[in-house]
Amino acid sequence: VHGFDILPDGRVAIIGEFTTLDAVSRVR
């Protein structure tokens, strides 16, 4: 994970080289 930002409601946006999160497909 190369970067992230925090939304006003506390959610976290992430971005990076990953293609899965806990084996669930999320491409970068």
PDB file of all heavy atoms in Angstrom:
ATOM      1  N   VAL A   1       0.866  -1.169   0.000  1.00  0.00           N
ATOM      2  CA  VAL A   1       0.000   0.000   0.000  1.00  0.00           C
ATOM      3  C   VAL A   1       0.907   1.224   0.000  1.00  0.00           C
ATOM      4  O   VAL A   1       1.747   1.385   0.886  1.00  0.00           O
ATOM      5  CB  VAL A   1      -0.915   0.017   1.245  1.00  0.00           C
ATOM      6  CG1 VAL A   1      -1.687   1.336   1.316  1.00  0.00           C
ATOM      7  CG2 VAL A   1      -1.864  -1.164   1.220  1.00  0.00           C
ATOM      8  N   HIS A   2       0.756   2.083  -0.998  1.00  0.00           N
ATOM      9  CA  HIS A   2       1.635   3.239  -1.129  1.00  0.00           C
ATOM     10  C   HIS A   2       1.058   4.529  -0.553  1.00  0.00           C
ATOM     11  O   HIS A   2       1.804   5.479  -0.298  1.00  0.00           O
ATOM     12  CB  HIS A   2       1.975   3.473  -2.600  1.00  0.00           C
ATOM     13  CG  HIS A   2       2.939   2.481  -3.161  1.00  0.00           C
ATOM     14  ND1 HIS A   2       4.302   2.664  -3.161  1.00  0.00           N
ATOM     15  CD2 HIS A   2       2.731   1.261  -3.736  1.00  0.00           C
ATOM     16  CE1 HIS A   2       4.896   1.621  -3.713  1.00  0.00           C
ATOM     17  NE2 HIS A   2       3.960   0.752  -4.078  1.00  0.00           N
ATOM     18  N   GLY A   3      -0.252   4.583  -0.407  1.00  0.00           N
ATOM     19  CA  GLY A   3      -0.846   5.823   0.076  1.00  0.00           C
ATOM     20  C   GLY A   3      -2.248   5.596   0.583  1.00  0.00           C
ATOM     21  O   GLY A   3      -2.884   4.577   0.288  1.00  0.00           O
ATOM     22  N   PHE A   4      -2.735   6.546   1.358  1.00  0.00           N
ATOM     23  CA  PHE A   4      -4.099   6.475   1.871  1.00  0.00           C
ATOM     24  C   PHE A   4      -4.583   7.869   2.208  1.00  0.00           C
ATOM     25  O   PHE A   4      -3.801   8.821   2.307  1.00  0.00           O
ATOM     26  CB  PHE A   4      -4.191   5.555   3.097  1.00  0.00           C
ATOM     27  CG  PHE A   4      -3.217   5.893   4.192  1.00  0.00           C
ATOM     28  CD1 PHE A   4      -3.465   6.938   5.082  1.00  0.00           C
ATOM     29  CD2 PHE A   4      -2.045   5.176   4.340  1.00  0.00           C
ATOM     30  CE1 PHE A   4      -2.572   7.256   6.087  1.00  0.00           C
ATOM     31  CE2 PHE A   4      -1.130   5.487   5.331  1.00  0.00           C
ATOM     32  CZ  PHE A   4      -1.396   6.537   6.212  1.00  0.00           C
ATOM     33  N   ASP A   5      -5.899   7.996   2.379  1.00  0.00           N
ATOM     34  CA  ASP A   5      -6.486   9.234   2.860  1.00  0.00           C
ATOM     35  C   ASP A   5      -7.683   8.881   3.725  1.00  0.00           C
ATOM     36  O   ASP A   5      -8.287   7.815   3.565  1.00  0.00           O
ATOM     37  CB  ASP A   5      -6.894  10.156   1.712  1.00  0.00           C
ATOM     38  CG  ASP A   5      -7.051  11.607   2.153  1.00  0.00           C
ATOM     39  OD1 ASP A   5      -6.641  11.943   3.299  1.00  0.00           O
ATOM     40  OD2 ASP A   5      -7.577  12.421   1.372  1.00  0.00           O
ATOM     41  N   ILE A   6      -8.016   9.780   4.642  1.00  0.00           N
ATOM     42  CA  ILE A   6      -9.093   9.537   5.587  1.00  0.00           C
ATOM     43  C   ILE A   6     -10.296  10.376   5.184  1.00  0.00           C
ATOM     44  O   ILE A   6     -10.197  11.597   5.035  1.00  0.00           O
ATOM     45  CB  ILE A   6      -8.669   9.891   7.024  1.00  0.00           C
ATOM     46  CG1 ILE A   6      -7.283   9.309   7.339  1.00  0.00           C
ATOM     47  CG2 ILE A   6      -9.719   9.417   8.011  1.00  0.00           C
ATOM     48  CD1 ILE A   6      -7.201   7.808   7.245  1.00  0.00           C
ATOM     49  N   LEU A   7     -11.447   9.738   5.009  1.00  0.00           N
ATOM     50  CA  LEU A   7     -12.681  10.441   4.681  1.00  0.00           C
ATOM     51  C   LEU A   7     -13.294  11.036   5.944  1.00  0.00           C
ATOM     52  O   LEU A   7     -12.997  10.577   7.057  1.00  0.00           O
ATOM     53  CB  LEU A   7     -13.667   9.482   4.013  1.00  0.00           C
ATOM     54  CG  LEU A   7     -13.468   9.227   2.510  1.00  0.00           C
ATOM     55  CD1 LEU A   7     -12.129   8.588   2.215  1.00  0.00           C
ATOM     56  CD2 LEU A   7     -14.608   8.370   1.967  1.00  0.00           C
ATOM     57  N   PRO A   8     -14.140  12.046   5.816  1.00  0.00           N
ATOM     58  CA  PRO A   8     -14.735  12.670   7.005  1.00  0.00           C
ATOM     59  C   PRO A   8     -15.497  11.695   7.898  1.00  0.00           C
ATOM     60  O   PRO A   8     -15.587  11.911   9.111  1.00  0.00           O
ATOM     61  CB  PRO A   8     -15.673  13.726   6.408  1.00  0.00           C
ATOM     62  CG  PRO A   8     -15.074  14.056   5.087  1.00  0.00           C
ATOM     63  CD  PRO A   8     -14.499  12.779   4.582  1.00  0.00           C
ATOM     64  N   ASP A   9     -16.054  10.622   7.327  1.00  0.00           N
ATOM     65  CA  ASP A   9     -16.804   9.660   8.135  1.00  0.00           C
ATOM     66  C   ASP A   9     -15.916   8.567   8.724  1.00  0.00           C
ATOM     67  O   ASP A   9     -16.415   7.600   9.320  1.00  0.00           O
ATOM     68  CB  ASP A   9     -17.932   9.027   7.315  1.00  0.00           C
ATOM     69  CG  ASP A   9     -17.420   8.280   6.077  1.00  0.00           C
ATOM     70  OD1 ASP A   9     -16.193   8.138   5.922  1.00  0.00           O
ATOM     71  OD2 ASP A   9     -18.267   7.841   5.268  1.00  0.00           O
ATOM     72  N   GLY A  10     -14.581   8.715   8.584  1.00  0.00           N
ATOM     73  CA  GLY A  10     -13.644   7.768   9.165  1.00  0.00           C
ATOM     74  C   GLY A  10     -13.197   6.668   8.234  1.00  0.00           C
ATOM     75  O   GLY A  10     -12.262   5.917   8.561  1.00  0.00           O
ATOM     76  N   ARG A  11     -13.852   6.506   7.089  1.00  0.00           N
ATOM     77  CA  ARG A  11     -13.405   5.494   6.139  1.00  0.00           C
ATOM     78  C   ARG A  11     -12.011   5.837   5.608  1.00  0.00           C
ATOM     79  O   ARG A  11     -11.589   6.997   5.635  1.00  0.00           O
ATOM     80  CB  ARG A  11     -14.403   5.360   4.988  1.00  0.00           C
ATOM     81  CG  ARG A  11     -15.698   4.649   5.379  1.00  0.00           C
ATOM     82  CD  ARG A  11     -16.614   4.444   4.188  1.00  0.00           C
ATOM     83  NE  ARG A  11     -17.132   5.712   3.685  1.00  0.00           N
ATOM     84  CZ  ARG A  11     -17.845   5.825   2.573  1.00  0.00           C
ATOM     85  NH1 ARG A  11     -18.101   4.742   1.825  1.00  0.00           N
ATOM     86  NH2 ARG A  11     -18.307   6.997   2.188  1.00  0.00           N
ATOM     87  N   VAL A  12     -11.341   4.816   5.125  1.00  0.00           N
ATOM     88  CA  VAL A  12      -9.952   4.974   4.686  1.00  0.00           C
ATOM     89  C   VAL A  12      -9.845   4.540   3.227  1.00  0.00           C
ATOM     90  O   VAL A  12     -10.161   3.387   2.887  1.00  0.00           O
ATOM     91  CB  VAL A  12      -8.988   4.136   5.546  1.00  0.00           C
ATOM     92  CG1 VAL A  12      -7.544   4.365   5.103  1.00  0.00           C
ATOM     93  CG2 VAL A  12      -9.162   4.458   7.028  1.00  0.00           C
ATOM     94  N   ALA A  13      -9.413   5.442   2.366  1.00  0.00           N
ATOM     95  CA  ALA A  13      -9.128   5.114   0.973  1.00  0.00           C
ATOM     96  C   ALA A  13      -7.674   4.696   0.877  1.00  0.00           C
ATOM     97  O   ALA A  13      -6.791   5.392   1.394  1.00  0.00           O
ATOM     98  CB  ALA A  13      -9.398   6.309   0.070  1.00  0.00           C
ATOM     99  N   ILE A  14      -7.395   3.561   0.238  1.00  0.00           N
ATOM    100  CA  ILE A  14      -6.021   3.079   0.101  1.00  0.00           C
ATOM    101  C   ILE A  14      -5.698   2.851  -1.371  1.00  0.00           C
ATOM    102  O   ILE A  14      -6.582   2.566  -2.185  1.00  0.00           O
ATOM    103  CB  ILE A  14      -5.765   1.800   0.915  1.00  0.00           C
ATOM    104  CG1 ILE A  14      -6.619   0.637   0.404  1.00  0.00           C
ATOM    105  CG2 ILE A  14      -6.016   2.054   2.393  1.00  0.00           C
ATOM    106  CD1 ILE A  14      -6.281  -0.691   1.074  1.00  0.00           C
ATOM    107  N   ILE A  15      -4.414   2.960  -1.693  1.00  0.00           N
ATOM    108  CA  ILE A  15      -3.965   2.776  -3.069  1.00  0.00           C
ATOM    109  C   ILE A  15      -2.572   2.173  -3.046  1.00  0.00           C
ATOM    110  O   ILE A  15      -1.777   2.442  -2.131  1.00  0.00           O
ATOM    111  CB  ILE A  15      -3.979   4.122  -3.835  1.00  0.00           C
ATOM    112  CG1 ILE A  15      -3.776   3.908  -5.334  1.00  0.00           C
ATOM    113  CG2 ILE A  15      -2.953   5.096  -3.278  1.00  0.00           C
ATOM    114  CD1 ILE A  15      -4.047   5.165  -6.159  1.00  0.00           C
ATOM    115  N   GLY A  16      -2.265   1.317  -4.020  1.00  0.00           N
ATOM    116  CA  GLY A  16      -0.946   0.701  -4.049  1.00  0.00           C
ATOM    117  C   GLY A  16      -0.826  -0.334  -5.142  1.00  0.00           C
ATOM    118  O   GLY A  16      -1.571  -0.327  -6.130  1.00  0.00           O
ATOM    119  N   GLU A  17       0.110  -1.262  -4.954  1.00  0.00           N
ATOM    120  CA  GLU A  17       0.379  -2.293  -5.950  1.00  0.00           C
ATOM    121  C   GLU A  17      -0.532  -3.510  -5.794  1.00  0.00           C
ATOM    122  O   GLU A  17      -0.552  -4.394  -6.658  1.00  0.00           O
ATOM    123  CB  GLU A  17       1.826  -2.752  -5.850  1.00  0.00           C
ATOM    124  CG  GLU A  17       2.844  -1.675  -6.163  1.00  0.00           C
ATOM    125  CD  GLU A  17       4.260  -2.164  -5.907  1.00  0.00           C
ATOM    126  OE1 GLU A  17       4.692  -3.109  -6.611  1.00  0.00           O
ATOM    127  OE2 GLU A  17       4.920  -1.619  -5.007  1.00  0.00           O
ATOM    128  N   PHE A  18      -1.276  -3.598  -4.717  1.00  0.00           N
ATOM    129  CA  PHE A  18      -2.073  -4.787  -4.406  1.00  0.00           C
ATOM    130  C   PHE A  18      -3.147  -5.053  -5.474  1.00  0.00           C
ATOM    131  O   PHE A  18      -3.638  -4.144  -6.135  1.00  0.00           O
ATOM    132  CB  PHE A  18      -2.736  -4.639  -3.029  1.00  0.00           C
ATOM    133  CG  PHE A  18      -3.619  -3.422  -2.894  1.00  0.00           C
ATOM    134  CD1 PHE A  18      -4.948  -3.451  -3.284  1.00  0.00           C
ATOM    135  CD2 PHE A  18      -3.123  -2.232  -2.376  1.00  0.00           C
ATOM    136  CE1 PHE A  18      -5.763  -2.342  -3.162  1.00  0.00           C
ATOM    137  CE2 PHE A  18      -3.927  -1.107  -2.239  1.00  0.00           C
ATOM    138  CZ  PHE A  18      -5.250  -1.168  -2.643  1.00  0.00           C
ATOM    139  N   THR A  19      -3.497  -6.319  -5.586  1.00  0.00           N
ATOM    140  CA  THR A  19      -4.612  -6.725  -6.445  1.00  0.00           C
ATOM    141  C   THR A  19      -5.682  -7.470  -5.650  1.00  0.00           C
ATOM    142  O   THR A  19      -6.786  -7.672  -6.156  1.00  0.00           O
ATOM    143  CB  THR A  19      -4.133  -7.614  -7.603  1.00  0.00           C
ATOM    144  OG1 THR A  19      -3.444  -8.745  -7.060  1.00  0.00           O
ATOM    145  CG2 THR A  19      -3.208  -6.841  -8.527  1.00  0.00           C
ATOM    146  N   THR A  20      -5.330  -7.885  -4.417  1.00  0.00           N
ATOM    147  CA  THR A  20      -6.322  -8.500  -3.530  1.00  0.00           C
ATOM    148  C   THR A  20      -6.133  -7.989  -2.112  1.00  0.00           C
ATOM    149  O   THR A  20      -5.025  -7.603  -1.709  1.00  0.00           O
ATOM    150  CB  THR A  20      -6.221 -10.047  -3.507  1.00  0.00           C
ATOM    151  OG1 THR A  20      -4.954 -10.425  -2.958  1.00  0.00           O
ATOM    152  CG2 THR A  20      -6.387 -10.626  -4.896  1.00  0.00           C
ATOM    153  N   LEU A  21      -7.233  -8.008  -1.358  1.00  0.00           N
ATOM    154  CA  LEU A  21      -7.229  -7.709   0.077  1.00  0.00           C
ATOM    155  C   LEU A  21      -7.932  -8.869   0.765  1.00  0.00           C
ATOM    156  O   LEU A  21      -9.127  -9.095   0.535  1.00  0.00           O
ATOM    157  CB  LEU A  21      -7.961  -6.399   0.356  1.00  0.00           C
ATOM    158  CG  LEU A  21      -7.361  -5.133  -0.271  1.00  0.00           C
ATOM    159  CD1 LEU A  21      -8.327  -3.962  -0.122  1.00  0.00           C
ATOM    160  CD2 LEU A  21      -6.024  -4.802   0.362  1.00  0.00           C
ATOM    161  N   ASP A  22      -7.162  -9.639   1.593  1.00  0.00           N
ATOM    162  CA  ASP A  22      -7.710 -10.878   2.159  1.00  0.00           C
ATOM    163  C   ASP A  22      -8.327 -11.732   1.062  1.00  0.00           C
ATOM    164  O   ASP A  22      -9.437 -12.281   1.196  1.00  0.00           O
ATOM    165  CB  ASP A  22      -8.753 -10.571   3.236  1.00  0.00           C
ATOM    166  CG  ASP A  22      -8.118 -10.288   4.597  1.00  0.00           C
ATOM    167  OD1 ASP A  22      -6.900 -10.499   4.731  1.00  0.00           O
ATOM    168  OD2 ASP A  22      -8.850  -9.844   5.503  1.00  0.00           O
ATOM    169  N   ALA A  23      -7.625 -11.818  -0.071  1.00  0.00           N
ATOM    170  CA  ALA A  23      -8.002 -12.652  -1.222  1.00  0.00           C
ATOM    171  C   ALA A  23      -9.222 -12.136  -1.982  1.00  0.00           C
ATOM    172  O   ALA A  23      -9.682 -12.773  -2.924  1.00  0.00           O
ATOM    173  CB  ALA A  23      -8.223 -14.099  -0.806  1.00  0.00           C
ATOM    174  N   VAL A  24      -9.772 -10.977  -1.592  1.00  0.00           N
ATOM    175  CA  VAL A  24     -10.866 -10.365  -2.340  1.00  0.00           C
ATOM    176  C   VAL A  24     -10.272  -9.430  -3.389  1.00  0.00           C
ATOM    177  O   VAL A  24      -9.396  -8.610  -3.079  1.00  0.00           O
ATOM    178  CB  VAL A  24     -11.813  -9.587  -1.407  1.00  0.00           C
ATOM    179  CG1 VAL A  24     -12.914  -8.901  -2.207  1.00  0.00           C
ATOM    180  CG2 VAL A  24     -12.409 -10.521  -0.358  1.00  0.00           C
ATOM    181  N   SER A  25     -10.720  -9.515  -4.610  1.00  0.00           N
ATOM    182  CA  SER A  25     -10.158  -8.714  -5.693  1.00  0.00           C
ATOM    183  C   SER A  25     -10.424  -7.229  -5.492  1.00  0.00           C
ATOM    184  O   SER A  25     -11.574  -6.796  -5.406  1.00  0.00           O
ATOM    185  CB  SER A  25     -10.745  -9.157  -7.033  1.00  0.00           C
ATOM    186  OG  SER A  25     -10.252  -8.346  -8.078  1.00  0.00           O
ATOM    187  N   ARG A  26      -9.358  -6.458  -5.400  1.00  0.00           N
ATOM    188  CA  ARG A  26      -9.402  -5.000  -5.396  1.00  0.00           C
ATOM    189  C   ARG A  26      -8.094  -4.545  -6.053  1.00  0.00           C
ATOM    190  O   ARG A  26      -7.035  -4.630  -5.427  1.00  0.00           O
ATOM    191  CB  ARG A  26      -9.523  -4.415  -3.985  1.00  0.00           C
ATOM    192  CG  ARG A  26     -10.906  -4.488  -3.373  1.00  0.00           C
ATOM    193  CD  ARG A  26     -11.908  -3.635  -4.144  1.00  0.00           C
ATOM    194  NE  ARG A  26     -13.222  -3.648  -3.501  1.00  0.00           N
ATOM    195  CZ  ARG A  26     -14.150  -4.572  -3.682  1.00  0.00           C
ATOM    196  NH1 ARG A  26     -13.895  -5.610  -4.486  1.00  0.00           N
ATOM    197  NH2 ARG A  26     -15.311  -4.490  -3.077  1.00  0.00           N
ATOM    198  N   VAL A  27      -8.174  -4.097  -7.284  1.00  0.00           N
ATOM    199  CA  VAL A  27      -6.970  -3.862  -8.074  1.00  0.00           C
ATOM    200  C   VAL A  27      -6.463  -2.441  -7.858  1.00  0.00           C
ATOM    201  O   VAL A  27      -6.925  -1.486  -8.466  1.00  0.00           O
ATOM    202  CB  VAL A  27      -7.230  -4.133  -9.573  1.00  0.00           C
ATOM    203  CG1 VAL A  27      -5.949  -3.937 -10.379  1.00  0.00           C
ATOM    204  CG2 VAL A  27      -7.759  -5.547  -9.753  1.00  0.00           C
ATOM    205  N   ARG A  28      -5.584  -2.327  -6.882  1.00  0.00           N
ATOM    206  CA  ARG A  28      -4.778  -1.134  -6.597  1.00  0.00           C
ATOM    207  C   ARG A  28      -5.507   0.015  -5.913  1.00  0.00           C
ATOM    208  O   ARG A  28      -4.868   0.990  -5.547  1.00  0.00           O
ATOM    209  CB  ARG A  28      -4.070  -0.665  -7.865  1.00  0.00           C
ATOM    210  CG  ARG A  28      -3.174  -1.768  -8.385  1.00  0.00           C
ATOM    211  CD  ARG A  28      -2.224  -1.387  -9.467  1.00  0.00           C
ATOM    212  NE  ARG A  28      -1.390  -2.547  -9.720  1.00  0.00           N
ATOM    213  CZ  ARG A  28      -1.666  -3.494 -10.622  1.00  0.00           C
ATOM    214  NH1 ARG A  28      -2.742  -3.370 -11.386  1.00  0.00           N
ATOM    215  NH2 ARG A  28      -0.883  -4.527 -10.756  1.00  0.00           N
TER     216      ARG A  28
END
